[in-house]
Amino acid sequence: VVIMLYYFLYTFGGNVKNISLVYFCNYVLGTYNDGHTQTLVSV
């Protein structure tokens, strides 16, 4: 039960993070499709 709850939280949190990555780089940290913000964060 513990390891399945752990896996659920890890997967859910990771999915939300991955979905919001582009939006964060476009509208918070950088500018829309500036060509370097997302690359820097990923690298």
PDB file of all heavy atoms in Angstrom:
ATOM      1  N   VAL A   1       0.833  -1.206   0.000  1.00  0.00           N
ATOM      2  CA  VAL A   1       0.000   0.000   0.000  1.00  0.00           C
ATOM      3  C   VAL A   1       0.865   1.252   0.000  1.00  0.00           C
ATOM      4  O   VAL A   1       0.615   2.204  -0.757  1.00  0.00           O
ATOM      5  CB  VAL A   1      -0.944   0.009   1.227  1.00  0.00           C
ATOM      6  CG1 VAL A   1      -1.687   1.341   1.330  1.00  0.00           C
ATOM      7  CG2 VAL A   1      -1.937  -1.145   1.146  1.00  0.00           C
ATOM      8  N   VAL A   2       1.911   1.254   0.819  1.00  0.00           N
ATOM      9  CA  VAL A   2       2.790   2.425   0.917  1.00  0.00           C
ATOM     10  C   VAL A   2       3.476   2.711  -0.403  1.00  0.00           C
ATOM     11  O   VAL A   2       3.519   3.856  -0.873  1.00  0.00           O
ATOM     12  CB  VAL A   2       3.837   2.222   2.030  1.00  0.00           C
ATOM     13  CG1 VAL A   2       4.962   3.261   1.913  1.00  0.00           C
ATOM     14  CG2 VAL A   2       3.184   2.347   3.399  1.00  0.00           C
ATOM     15  N   ILE A   3       4.020   1.677  -1.050  1.00  0.00           N
ATOM     16  CA  ILE A   3       4.794   1.917  -2.270  1.00  0.00           C
ATOM     17  C   ILE A   3       3.876   2.321  -3.428  1.00  0.00           C
ATOM     18  O   ILE A   3       4.286   3.084  -4.310  1.00  0.00           O
ATOM     19  CB  ILE A   3       5.657   0.690  -2.644  1.00  0.00           C
ATOM     20  CG1 ILE A   3       6.845   1.155  -3.507  1.00  0.00           C
ATOM     21  CG2 ILE A   3       4.856  -0.392  -3.361  1.00  0.00           C
ATOM     22  CD1 ILE A   3       7.958   0.150  -3.623  1.00  0.00           C
ATOM     23  N   MET A   4       2.625   1.859  -3.424  1.00  0.00           N
ATOM     24  CA  MET A   4       1.697   2.278  -4.468  1.00  0.00           C
ATOM     25  C   MET A   4       1.252   3.732  -4.257  1.00  0.00           C
ATOM     26  O   MET A   4       1.116   4.500  -5.222  1.00  0.00           O
ATOM     27  CB  MET A   4       0.486   1.351  -4.513  1.00  0.00           C
ATOM     28  CG  MET A   4       0.813  -0.042  -5.024  1.00  0.00           C
ATOM     29  SD  MET A   4       1.539  -0.010  -6.693  1.00  0.00           S
ATOM     30  CE  MET A   4       2.267  -1.660  -6.788  1.00  0.00           C
ATOM     31  N   LEU A   5       1.022   4.134  -3.006  1.00  0.00           N
ATOM     32  CA  LEU A   5       0.704   5.537  -2.716  1.00  0.00           C
ATOM     33  C   LEU A   5       1.867   6.441  -3.096  1.00  0.00           C
ATOM     34  O   LEU A   5       1.686   7.521  -3.674  1.00  0.00           O
ATOM     35  CB  LEU A   5       0.377   5.701  -1.232  1.00  0.00           C
ATOM     36  CG  LEU A   5      -0.975   5.156  -0.755  1.00  0.00           C
ATOM     37  CD1 LEU A   5      -1.077   5.258   0.759  1.00  0.00           C
ATOM     38  CD2 LEU A   5      -2.124   5.903  -1.419  1.00  0.00           C
ATOM     39  N   TYR A   6       3.049   5.977  -2.765  1.00  0.00           N
ATOM     40  CA  TYR A   6       4.277   6.712  -3.106  1.00  0.00           C
ATOM     41  C   TYR A   6       4.383   6.889  -4.621  1.00  0.00           C
ATOM     42  O   TYR A   6       4.667   7.986  -5.119  1.00  0.00           O
ATOM     43  CB  TYR A   6       5.471   5.943  -2.543  1.00  0.00           C
ATOM     44  CG  TYR A   6       6.801   6.203  -3.181  1.00  0.00           C
ATOM     45  CD1 TYR A   6       7.604   7.275  -2.792  1.00  0.00           C
ATOM     46  CD2 TYR A   6       7.295   5.335  -4.161  1.00  0.00           C
ATOM     47  CE1 TYR A   6       8.841   7.483  -3.372  1.00  0.00           C
ATOM     48  CE2 TYR A   6       8.520   5.541  -4.739  1.00  0.00           C
ATOM     49  CZ  TYR A   6       9.299   6.623  -4.342  1.00  0.00           C
ATOM     50  OH  TYR A   6      10.517   6.825  -4.930  1.00  0.00           O
ATOM     51  N   TYR A   7       4.140   5.816  -5.371  1.00  0.00           N
ATOM     52  CA  TYR A   7       4.246   5.863  -6.826  1.00  0.00           C
ATOM     53  C   TYR A   7       3.184   6.776  -7.424  1.00  0.00           C
ATOM     54  O   TYR A   7       3.440   7.497  -8.397  1.00  0.00           O
ATOM     55  CB  TYR A   7       4.113   4.446  -7.396  1.00  0.00           C
ATOM     56  CG  TYR A   7       4.386   4.345  -8.875  1.00  0.00           C
ATOM     57  CD1 TYR A   7       5.630   4.723  -9.389  1.00  0.00           C
ATOM     58  CD2 TYR A   7       3.420   3.880  -9.755  1.00  0.00           C
ATOM     59  CE1 TYR A   7       5.892   4.633 -10.746  1.00  0.00           C
ATOM     60  CE2 TYR A   7       3.678   3.786 -11.114  1.00  0.00           C
ATOM     61  CZ  TYR A   7       4.910   4.164 -11.603  1.00  0.00           C
ATOM     62  OH  TYR A   7       5.162   4.076 -12.939  1.00  0.00           O
ATOM     63  N   PHE A   8       1.975   6.770  -6.842  1.00  0.00           N
ATOM     64  CA  PHE A   8       0.907   7.645  -7.318  1.00  0.00           C
ATOM     65  C   PHE A   8       1.297   9.112  -7.151  1.00  0.00           C
ATOM     66  O   PHE A   8       1.160   9.916  -8.079  1.00  0.00           O
ATOM     67  CB  PHE A   8      -0.394   7.359  -6.564  1.00  0.00           C
ATOM     68  CG  PHE A   8      -1.506   8.313  -6.910  1.00  0.00           C
ATOM     69  CD1 PHE A   8      -2.311   8.080  -8.012  1.00  0.00           C
ATOM     70  CD2 PHE A   8      -1.744   9.453  -6.142  1.00  0.00           C
ATOM     71  CE1 PHE A   8      -3.329   8.963  -8.355  1.00  0.00           C
ATOM     72  CE2 PHE A   8      -2.754  10.338  -6.474  1.00  0.00           C
ATOM     73  CZ  PHE A   8      -3.553  10.096  -7.580  1.00  0.00           C
ATOM     74  N   LEU A   9       1.784   9.483  -5.972  1.00  0.00           N
ATOM     75  CA  LEU A   9       2.157  10.874  -5.719  1.00  0.00           C
ATOM     76  C   LEU A   9       3.305  11.313  -6.623  1.00  0.00           C
ATOM     77  O   LEU A   9       3.309  12.420  -7.164  1.00  0.00           O
ATOM     78  CB  LEU A   9       2.561  11.053  -4.253  1.00  0.00           C
ATOM     79  CG  LEU A   9       1.418  11.083  -3.238  1.00  0.00           C
ATOM     80  CD1 LEU A   9       1.974  11.085  -1.824  1.00  0.00           C
ATOM     81  CD2 LEU A   9       0.524  12.288  -3.464  1.00  0.00           C
ATOM     82  N   TYR A  10       4.288  10.433  -6.780  1.00  0.00           N
ATOM     83  CA  TYR A  10       5.443  10.760  -7.624  1.00  0.00           C
ATOM     84  C   TYR A  10       5.011  10.957  -9.075  1.00  0.00           C
ATOM     85  O   TYR A  10       5.435  11.903  -9.739  1.00  0.00           O
ATOM     86  CB  TYR A  10       6.490   9.653  -7.523  1.00  0.00           C
ATOM     87  CG  TYR A  10       7.712   9.894  -8.363  1.00  0.00           C
ATOM     88  CD1 TYR A  10       8.696  10.790  -7.967  1.00  0.00           C
ATOM     89  CD2 TYR A  10       7.887   9.211  -9.572  1.00  0.00           C
ATOM     90  CE1 TYR A  10       9.818  11.016  -8.734  1.00  0.00           C
ATOM     91  CE2 TYR A  10       9.012   9.435 -10.356  1.00  0.00           C
ATOM     92  CZ  TYR A  10       9.976  10.344  -9.933  1.00  0.00           C
ATOM     93  OH  TYR A  10      11.087  10.572 -10.717  1.00  0.00           O
ATOM     94  N   THR A  11       4.169  10.067  -9.565  1.00  0.00           N
ATOM     95  CA  THR A  11       3.718  10.142 -10.956  1.00  0.00           C
ATOM     96  C   THR A  11       2.832  11.360 -11.185  1.00  0.00           C
ATOM     97  O   THR A  11       2.998  12.093 -12.174  1.00  0.00           O
ATOM     98  CB  THR A  11       2.941   8.867 -11.337  1.00  0.00           C
ATOM     99  OG1 THR A  11       3.765   7.718 -11.083  1.00  0.00           O
ATOM    100  CG2 THR A  11       2.558   8.883 -12.808  1.00  0.00           C
ATOM    101  N   PHE A  12       1.903  11.602 -10.267  1.00  0.00           N
ATOM    102  CA  PHE A  12       0.999  12.741 -10.414  1.00  0.00           C
ATOM    103  C   PHE A  12       1.772  14.063 -10.377  1.00  0.00           C
ATOM    104  O   PHE A  12       1.582  14.932 -11.236  1.00  0.00           O
ATOM    105  CB  PHE A  12      -0.063  12.726  -9.300  1.00  0.00           C
ATOM    106  CG  PHE A  12      -0.980  13.907  -9.334  1.00  0.00           C
ATOM    107  CD1 PHE A  12      -1.927  14.045 -10.340  1.00  0.00           C
ATOM    108  CD2 PHE A  12      -0.906  14.900  -8.368  1.00  0.00           C
ATOM    109  CE1 PHE A  12      -2.786  15.135 -10.385  1.00  0.00           C
ATOM    110  CE2 PHE A  12      -1.749  15.999  -8.401  1.00  0.00           C
ATOM    111  CZ  PHE A  12      -2.688  16.111  -9.408  1.00  0.00           C
ATOM    112  N   GLY A  13       2.641  14.233  -9.391  1.00  0.00           N
ATOM    113  CA  GLY A  13       3.426  15.454  -9.291  1.00  0.00           C
ATOM    114  C   GLY A  13       4.316  15.667 -10.498  1.00  0.00           C
ATOM    115  O   GLY A  13       4.434  16.785 -11.014  1.00  0.00           O
ATOM    116  N   GLY A  14       4.938  14.585 -10.982  1.00  0.00           N
ATOM    117  CA  GLY A  14       5.804  14.686 -12.150  1.00  0.00           C
ATOM    118  C   GLY A  14       5.043  15.058 -13.409  1.00  0.00           C
ATOM    119  O   GLY A  14       5.521  15.846 -14.236  1.00  0.00           O
ATOM    120  N   ASN A  15       3.833  14.498 -13.572  1.00  0.00           N
ATOM    121  CA  ASN A  15       3.020  14.831 -14.745  1.00  0.00           C
ATOM    122  C   ASN A  15       2.612  16.296 -14.759  1.00  0.00           C
ATOM    123  O   ASN A  15       2.676  16.971 -15.790  1.00  0.00           O
ATOM    124  CB  ASN A  15       1.768  13.953 -14.776  1.00  0.00           C
ATOM    125  CG  ASN A  15       2.050  12.545 -15.246  1.00  0.00           C
ATOM    126  OD1 ASN A  15       3.122  12.254 -15.766  1.00  0.00           O
ATOM    127  ND2 ASN A  15       1.104  11.656 -15.046  1.00  0.00           N
ATOM    128  N   VAL A  16       2.164  16.796 -13.603  1.00  0.00           N
ATOM    129  CA  VAL A  16       1.759  18.200 -13.522  1.00  0.00           C
ATOM    130  C   VAL A  16       2.951  19.104 -13.831  1.00  0.00           C
ATOM    131  O   VAL A  16       2.834  20.100 -14.553  1.00  0.00           O
ATOM    132  CB  VAL A  16       1.189  18.524 -12.121  1.00  0.00           C
ATOM    133  CG1 VAL A  16       0.930  20.023 -11.986  1.00  0.00           C
ATOM    134  CG2 VAL A  16      -0.104  17.749 -11.897  1.00  0.00           C
ATOM    135  N   LYS A  17       4.113  18.760 -13.304  1.00  0.00           N
ATOM    136  CA  LYS A  17       5.333  19.538 -13.569  1.00  0.00           C
ATOM    137  C   LYS A  17       5.662  19.537 -15.059  1.00  0.00           C
ATOM    138  O   LYS A  17       5.956  20.598 -15.638  1.00  0.00           O
ATOM    139  CB  LYS A  17       6.504  18.958 -12.782  1.00  0.00           C
ATOM    140  CG  LYS A  17       7.856  19.611 -13.095  1.00  0.00           C
ATOM    141  CD  LYS A  17       8.999  18.808 -12.507  1.00  0.00           C
ATOM    142  CE  LYS A  17       9.120  17.453 -13.179  1.00  0.00           C
ATOM    143  NZ  LYS A  17      10.224  16.638 -12.624  1.00  0.00           N
ATOM    144  N   ASN A  18       5.624  18.377 -15.682  1.00  0.00           N
ATOM    145  CA  ASN A  18       5.985  18.279 -17.100  1.00  0.00           C
ATOM    146  C   ASN A  18       5.003  19.050 -17.989  1.00  0.00           C
ATOM    147  O   ASN A  18       5.404  19.683 -18.966  1.00  0.00           O
ATOM    148  CB  ASN A  18       6.034  16.809 -17.524  1.00  0.00           C
ATOM    149  CG  ASN A  18       7.178  16.059 -16.867  1.00  0.00           C
ATOM    150  OD1 ASN A  18       8.178  16.659 -16.469  1.00  0.00           O
ATOM    151  ND2 ASN A  18       7.040  14.749 -16.728  1.00  0.00           N
ATOM    152  N   ILE A  19       3.704  18.986 -17.662  1.00  0.00           N
ATOM    153  CA  ILE A  19       2.703  19.704 -18.448  1.00  0.00           C
ATOM    154  C   ILE A  19       2.907  21.208 -18.351  1.00  0.00           C
ATOM    155  O   ILE A  19       2.744  21.950 -19.325  1.00  0.00           O
ATOM    156  CB  ILE A  19       1.284  19.322 -17.972  1.00  0.00           C
ATOM    157  CG1 ILE A  19       0.990  17.858 -18.300  1.00  0.00           C
ATOM    158  CG2 ILE A  19       0.228  20.221 -18.618  1.00  0.00           C
ATOM    159  CD1 ILE A  19      -0.263  17.324 -17.631  1.00  0.00           C
ATOM    160  N   SER A  20       3.274  21.679 -17.157  1.00  0.00           N
ATOM    161  CA  SER A  20       3.387  23.127 -16.933  1.00  0.00           C
ATOM    162  C   SER A  20       4.747  23.698 -17.324  1.00  0.00           C
ATOM    163  O   SER A  20       4.925  24.922 -17.307  1.00  0.00           O
ATOM    164  CB  SER A  20       3.114  23.445 -15.460  1.00  0.00           C
ATOM    165  OG  SER A  20       3.991  22.724 -14.616  1.00  0.00           O
ATOM    166  N   LEU A  21       5.708  22.845 -17.694  1.00  0.00           N
ATOM    167  CA  LEU A  21       7.062  23.309 -18.038  1.00  0.00           C
ATOM    168  C   LEU A  21       7.045  24.374 -19.129  1.00  0.00           C
ATOM    169  O   LEU A  21       7.643  25.444 -18.984  1.00  0.00           O
ATOM    170  CB  LEU A  21       7.931  22.122 -18.466  1.00  0.00           C
ATOM    171  CG  LEU A  21       9.278  22.462 -19.115  1.00  0.00           C
ATOM    172  CD1 LEU A  21      10.180  23.216 -18.140  1.00  0.00           C
ATOM    173  CD2 LEU A  21       9.973  21.200 -19.629  1.00  0.00           C
ATOM    174  N   VAL A  22       6.377  24.089 -20.231  1.00  0.00           N
ATOM    175  CA  VAL A  22       6.350  25.022 -21.363  1.00  0.00           C
ATOM    176  C   VAL A  22       5.702  26.341 -20.948  1.00  0.00           C
ATOM    177  O   VAL A  22       6.196  27.421 -21.285  1.00  0.00           O
ATOM    178  CB  VAL A  22       5.610  24.400 -22.558  1.00  0.00           C
ATOM    179  CG1 VAL A  22       5.480  25.416 -23.686  1.00  0.00           C
ATOM    180  CG2 VAL A  22       6.338  23.149 -23.053  1.00  0.00           C
ATOM    181  N   TYR A  23       4.605  26.264 -20.223  1.00  0.00           N
ATOM    182  CA  TYR A  23       3.903  27.475 -19.773  1.00  0.00           C
ATOM    183  C   TYR A  23       4.782  28.294 -18.828  1.00  0.00           C
ATOM    184  O   TYR A  23       4.806  29.532 -18.910  1.00  0.00           O
ATOM    185  CB  TYR A  23       2.594  27.097 -19.076  1.00  0.00           C
ATOM    186  CG  TYR A  23       1.579  26.466 -19.996  1.00  0.00           C
ATOM    187  CD1 TYR A  23       1.604  25.095 -20.258  1.00  0.00           C
ATOM    188  CD2 TYR A  23       0.591  27.241 -20.593  1.00  0.00           C
ATOM    189  CE1 TYR A  23       0.668  24.514 -21.097  1.00  0.00           C
ATOM    190  CE2 TYR A  23      -0.351  26.673 -21.433  1.00  0.00           C
ATOM    191  CZ  TYR A  23      -0.309  25.307 -21.693  1.00  0.00           C
ATOM    192  OH  TYR A  23      -1.228  24.735 -22.535  1.00  0.00           O
ATOM    193  N   PHE A  24       5.493  27.619 -17.937  1.00  0.00           N
ATOM    194  CA  PHE A  24       6.365  28.320 -16.996  1.00  0.00           C
ATOM    195  C   PHE A  24       7.484  29.056 -17.739  1.00  0.00           C
ATOM    196  O   PHE A  24       7.787  30.217 -17.444  1.00  0.00           O
ATOM    197  CB  PHE A  24       6.963  27.325 -15.996  1.00  0.00           C
ATOM    198  CG  PHE A  24       7.902  27.936 -15.011  1.00  0.00           C
ATOM    199  CD1 PHE A  24       7.421  28.640 -13.913  1.00  0.00           C
ATOM    200  CD2 PHE A  24       9.280  27.818 -15.171  1.00  0.00           C
ATOM    201  CE1 PHE A  24       8.293  29.211 -12.988  1.00  0.00           C
ATOM    202  CE2 PHE A  24      10.154  28.393 -14.264  1.00  0.00           C
ATOM    203  CZ  PHE A  24       9.661  29.088 -13.166  1.00  0.00           C
ATOM    204  N   CYS A  25       8.091  28.381 -18.702  1.00  0.00           N
ATOM    205  CA  CYS A  25       9.184  28.994 -19.470  1.00  0.00           C
ATOM    206  C   CYS A  25       8.672  30.122 -20.363  1.00  0.00           C
ATOM    207  O   CYS A  25       9.379  31.110 -20.586  1.00  0.00           O
ATOM    208  CB  CYS A  25       9.893  27.937 -20.309  1.00  0.00           C
ATOM    209  SG  CYS A  25      10.782  26.702 -19.337  1.00  0.00           S
ATOM    210  N   ASN A  26       7.448  30.005 -20.875  1.00  0.00           N
ATOM    211  CA  ASN A  26       6.899  31.018 -21.781  1.00  0.00           C
ATOM    212  C   ASN A  26       6.363  32.256 -21.071  1.00  0.00           C
ATOM    213  O   ASN A  26       6.492  33.378 -21.586  1.00  0.00           O
ATOM    214  CB  ASN A  26       5.768  30.412 -22.621  1.00  0.00           C
ATOM    215  CG  ASN A  26       6.289  29.532 -23.742  1.00  0.00           C
ATOM    216  OD1 ASN A  26       7.466  29.602 -24.110  1.00  0.00           O
ATOM    217  ND2 ASN A  26       5.430  28.692 -24.291  1.00  0.00           N
ATOM    218  N   TYR A  27       5.759  32.059 -19.892  1.00  0.00           N
ATOM    219  CA  TYR A  27       5.009  33.164 -19.284  1.00  0.00           C
ATOM    220  C   TYR A  27       5.524  33.629 -17.924  1.00  0.00           C
ATOM    221  O   TYR A  27       5.099  34.680 -17.450  1.00  0.00           O
ATOM    222  CB  TYR A  27       3.545  32.760 -19.135  1.00  0.00           C
ATOM    223  CG  TYR A  27       2.878  32.426 -20.445  1.00  0.00           C
ATOM    224  CD1 TYR A  27       2.402  31.145 -20.698  1.00  0.00           C
ATOM    225  CD2 TYR A  27       2.727  33.398 -21.434  1.00  0.00           C
ATOM    226  CE1 TYR A  27       1.785  30.841 -21.902  1.00  0.00           C
ATOM    227  CE2 TYR A  27       2.113  33.093 -22.637  1.00  0.00           C
ATOM    228  CZ  TYR A  27       1.646  31.815 -22.873  1.00  0.00           C
ATOM    229  OH  TYR A  27       1.050  31.515 -24.070  1.00  0.00           O
ATOM    230  N   VAL A  28       6.409  32.859 -17.290  1.00  0.00           N
ATOM    231  CA  VAL A  28       6.892  33.248 -15.960  1.00  0.00           C
ATOM    232  C   VAL A  28       8.392  33.541 -15.990  1.00  0.00           C
ATOM    233  O   VAL A  28       8.822  34.665 -15.703  1.00  0.00           O
ATOM    234  CB  VAL A  28       6.592  32.152 -14.913  1.00  0.00           C
ATOM    235  CG1 VAL A  28       7.103  32.588 -13.530  1.00  0.00           C
ATOM    236  CG2 VAL A  28       5.094  31.863 -14.847  1.00  0.00           C
ATOM    237  N   LEU A  29       9.181  32.552 -16.362  1.00  0.00           N
ATOM    238  CA  LEU A  29      10.632  32.713 -16.345  1.00  0.00           C
ATOM    239  C   LEU A  29      11.153  33.436 -17.580  1.00  0.00           C
ATOM    240  O   LEU A  29      12.050  34.275 -17.494  1.00  0.00           O
ATOM    241  CB  LEU A  29      11.308  31.350 -16.209  1.00  0.00           C
ATOM    242  CG  LEU A  29      12.827  31.331 -16.122  1.00  0.00           C
ATOM    243  CD1 LEU A  29      13.307  32.112 -14.900  1.00  0.00           C
ATOM    244  CD2 LEU A  29      13.345  29.897 -16.067  1.00  0.00           C
ATOM    245  N   GLY A  30      10.602  33.107 -18.763  1.00  0.00           N
ATOM    246  CA  GLY A  30      11.068  33.697 -20.013  1.00  0.00           C
ATOM    247  C   GLY A  30       9.928  34.334 -20.784  1.00  0.00           C
ATOM    248  O   GLY A  30       8.924  34.739 -20.202  1.00  0.00           O
ATOM    249  N   THR A  31      10.095  34.415 -22.082  1.00  0.00           N
ATOM    250  CA  THR A  31       9.055  34.952 -22.951  1.00  0.00           C
ATOM    251  C   THR A  31       8.625  33.877 -23.935  1.00  0.00           C
ATOM    252  O   THR A  31       9.321  32.870 -24.120  1.00  0.00           O
ATOM    253  CB  THR A  31       9.551  36.192 -23.724  1.00  0.00           C
ATOM    254  OG1 THR A  31      10.742  35.845 -24.450  1.00  0.00           O
ATOM    255  CG2 THR A  31       9.865  37.327 -22.763  1.00  0.00           C
ATOM    256  N   TYR A  32       7.505  34.108 -24.605  1.00  0.00           N
ATOM    257  CA  TYR A  32       6.897  33.088 -25.446  1.00  0.00           C
ATOM    258  C   TYR A  32       7.863  32.604 -26.539  1.00  0.00           C
ATOM    259  O   TYR A  32       8.322  33.375 -27.375  1.00  0.00           O
ATOM    260  CB  TYR A  32       5.619  33.633 -26.082  1.00  0.00           C
ATOM    261  CG  TYR A  32       4.837  32.585 -26.838  1.00  0.00           C
ATOM    262  CD1 TYR A  32       4.017  31.701 -26.163  1.00  0.00           C
ATOM    263  CD2 TYR A  32       4.935  32.480 -28.218  1.00  0.00           C
ATOM    264  CE1 TYR A  32       3.293  30.735 -26.838  1.00  0.00           C
ATOM    265  CE2 TYR A  32       4.218  31.523 -28.912  1.00  0.00           C
ATOM    266  CZ  TYR A  32       3.396  30.648 -28.217  1.00  0.00           C
ATOM    267  OH  TYR A  32       2.687  29.687 -28.897  1.00  0.00           O
ATOM    268  N   ASN A  33       8.166  31.283 -26.487  1.00  0.00           N
ATOM    269  CA  ASN A  33       9.024  30.647 -27.491  1.00  0.00           C
ATOM    270  C   ASN A  33      10.293  31.455 -27.754  1.00  0.00           C
ATOM    271  O   ASN A  33      10.661  31.688 -28.918  1.00  0.00           O
ATOM    272  CB  ASN A  33       8.258  30.452 -28.802  1.00  0.00           C
ATOM    273  CG  ASN A  33       7.344  29.237 -28.753  1.00  0.00           C
ATOM    274  OD1 ASN A  33       7.406  28.439 -27.827  1.00  0.00           O
ATOM    275  ND2 ASN A  33       6.492  29.097 -29.752  1.00  0.00           N
ATOM    276  N   ASP A  34      10.992  31.864 -26.678  1.00  0.00           N
ATOM    277  CA  ASP A  34      12.206  32.667 -26.881  1.00  0.00           C
ATOM    278  C   ASP A  34      13.400  31.841 -27.344  1.00  0.00           C
ATOM    279  O   ASP A  34      14.452  32.377 -27.679  1.00  0.00           O
ATOM    280  CB  ASP A  34      12.557  33.442 -25.604  1.00  0.00           C
ATOM    281  CG  ASP A  34      12.725  32.534 -24.392  1.00  0.00           C
ATOM    282  OD1 ASP A  34      13.070  31.355 -24.567  1.00  0.00           O
ATOM    283  OD2 ASP A  34      12.505  33.017 -23.252  1.00  0.00           O
ATOM    284  N   GLY A  35      13.252  30.510 -27.332  1.00  0.00           N
ATOM    285  CA  GLY A  35      14.291  29.657 -27.911  1.00  0.00           C
ATOM    286  C   GLY A  35      15.409  29.256 -26.971  1.00  0.00           C
ATOM    287  O   GLY A  35      16.242  28.426 -27.341  1.00  0.00           O
ATOM    288  N   HIS A  36      15.471  29.799 -25.751  1.00  0.00           N
ATOM    289  CA  HIS A  36      16.573  29.427 -24.868  1.00  0.00           C
ATOM    290  C   HIS A  36      16.143  29.078 -23.452  1.00  0.00           C
ATOM    291  O   HIS A  36      16.833  28.310 -22.771  1.00  0.00           O
ATOM    292  CB  HIS A  36      17.605  30.562 -24.805  1.00  0.00           C
ATOM    293  CG  HIS A  36      17.092  31.825 -24.179  1.00  0.00           C
ATOM    294  ND1 HIS A  36      16.487  32.822 -24.911  1.00  0.00           N
ATOM    295  CD2 HIS A  36      17.070  32.241 -22.892  1.00  0.00           C
ATOM    296  CE1 HIS A  36      16.130  33.805 -24.094  1.00  0.00           C
ATOM    297  NE2 HIS A  36      16.463  33.483 -22.865  1.00  0.00           N
ATOM    298  N   THR A  37      15.018  29.621 -22.984  1.00  0.00           N
ATOM    299  CA  THR A  37      14.624  29.395 -21.595  1.00  0.00           C
ATOM    300  C   THR A  37      14.371  27.915 -21.307  1.00  0.00           C
ATOM    301  O   THR A  37      14.930  27.338 -20.363  1.00  0.00           O
ATOM    302  CB  THR A  37      13.360  30.208 -21.247  1.00  0.00           C
ATOM    303  OG1 THR A  37      13.625  31.588 -21.483  1.00  0.00           O
ATOM    304  CG2 THR A  37      12.977  30.006 -19.790  1.00  0.00           C
ATOM    305  N   GLN A  38      13.547  27.283 -22.121  1.00  0.00           N
ATOM    306  CA  GLN A  38      13.236  25.873 -21.884  1.00  0.00           C
ATOM    307  C   GLN A  38      14.468  25.001 -22.045  1.00  0.00           C
ATOM    308  O   GLN A  38      14.667  24.029 -21.303  1.00  0.00           O
ATOM    309  CB  GLN A  38      12.130  25.400 -22.831  1.00  0.00           C
ATOM    310  CG  GLN A  38      11.669  23.972 -22.535  1.00  0.00           C
ATOM    311  CD  GLN A  38      10.497  23.546 -23.395  1.00  0.00           C
ATOM    312  OE1 GLN A  38       9.812  24.376 -23.989  1.00  0.00           O
ATOM    313  NE2 GLN A  38      10.259  22.255 -23.458  1.00  0.00           N
ATOM    314  N   THR A  39      15.332  25.349 -23.006  1.00  0.00           N
ATOM    315  CA  THR A  39      16.561  24.579 -23.199  1.00  0.00           C
ATOM    316  C   THR A  39      17.457  24.660 -21.971  1.00  0.00           C
ATOM    317  O   THR A  39      17.998  23.651 -21.507  1.00  0.00           O
ATOM    318  CB  THR A  39      17.322  25.094 -24.438  1.00  0.00           C
ATOM    319  OG1 THR A  39      16.495  24.959 -25.588  1.00  0.00           O
ATOM    320  CG2 THR A  39      18.602  24.301 -24.635  1.00  0.00           C
ATOM    321  N   LEU A  40      17.623  25.866 -21.416  1.00  0.00           N
ATOM    322  CA  LEU A  40      18.460  26.039 -20.226  1.00  0.00           C
ATOM    323  C   LEU A  40      17.904  25.249 -19.040  1.00  0.00           C
ATOM    324  O   LEU A  40      18.653  24.557 -18.341  1.00  0.00           O
ATOM    325  CB  LEU A  40      18.563  27.520 -19.864  1.00  0.00           C
ATOM    326  CG  LEU A  40      19.547  28.365 -20.665  1.00  0.00           C
ATOM    327  CD1 LEU A  40      19.394  29.837 -20.311  1.00  0.00           C
ATOM    328  CD2 LEU A  40      20.981  27.911 -20.414  1.00  0.00           C
ATOM    329  N   VAL A  41      16.611  25.360 -18.821  1.00  0.00           N
ATOM    330  CA  VAL A  41      15.992  24.648 -17.705  1.00  0.00           C
ATOM    331  C   VAL A  41      16.155  23.139 -17.872  1.00  0.00           C
ATOM    332  O   VAL A  41      16.482  22.422 -16.912  1.00  0.00           O
ATOM    333  CB  VAL A  41      14.498  25.023 -17.586  1.00  0.00           C
ATOM    334  CG1 VAL A  41      13.798  24.138 -16.563  1.00  0.00           C
ATOM    335  CG2 VAL A  41      14.347  26.481 -17.198  1.00  0.00           C
ATOM    336  N   SER A  42      15.980  22.640 -19.088  1.00  0.00           N
ATOM    337  CA  SER A  42      16.084  21.198 -19.345  1.00  0.00           C
ATOM    338  C   SER A  42      17.516  20.716 -19.208  1.00  0.00           C
ATOM    339  O   SER A  42      17.780  19.662 -18.621  1.00  0.00           O
ATOM    340  CB  SER A  42      15.549  20.874 -20.746  1.00  0.00           C
ATOM    341  OG  SER A  42      14.192  21.221 -20.864  1.00  0.00           O
ATOM    342  N   VAL A  43      18.472  21.497 -19.743  1.00  0.00           N
ATOM    343  CA  VAL A  43      19.875  21.079 -19.711  1.00  0.00           C
ATOM    344  C   VAL A  43      20.426  21.115 -18.292  1.00  0.00           C
ATOM    345  O   VAL A  43      20.975  20.120 -17.789  1.00  0.00           O
ATOM    346  CB  VAL A  43      20.734  21.973 -20.631  1.00  0.00           C
ATOM    347  CG1 VAL A  43      22.213  21.688 -20.424  1.00  0.00           C
ATOM    348  CG2 VAL A  43      20.365  21.745 -22.085  1.00  0.00           C
TER     349      VAL A  43
END
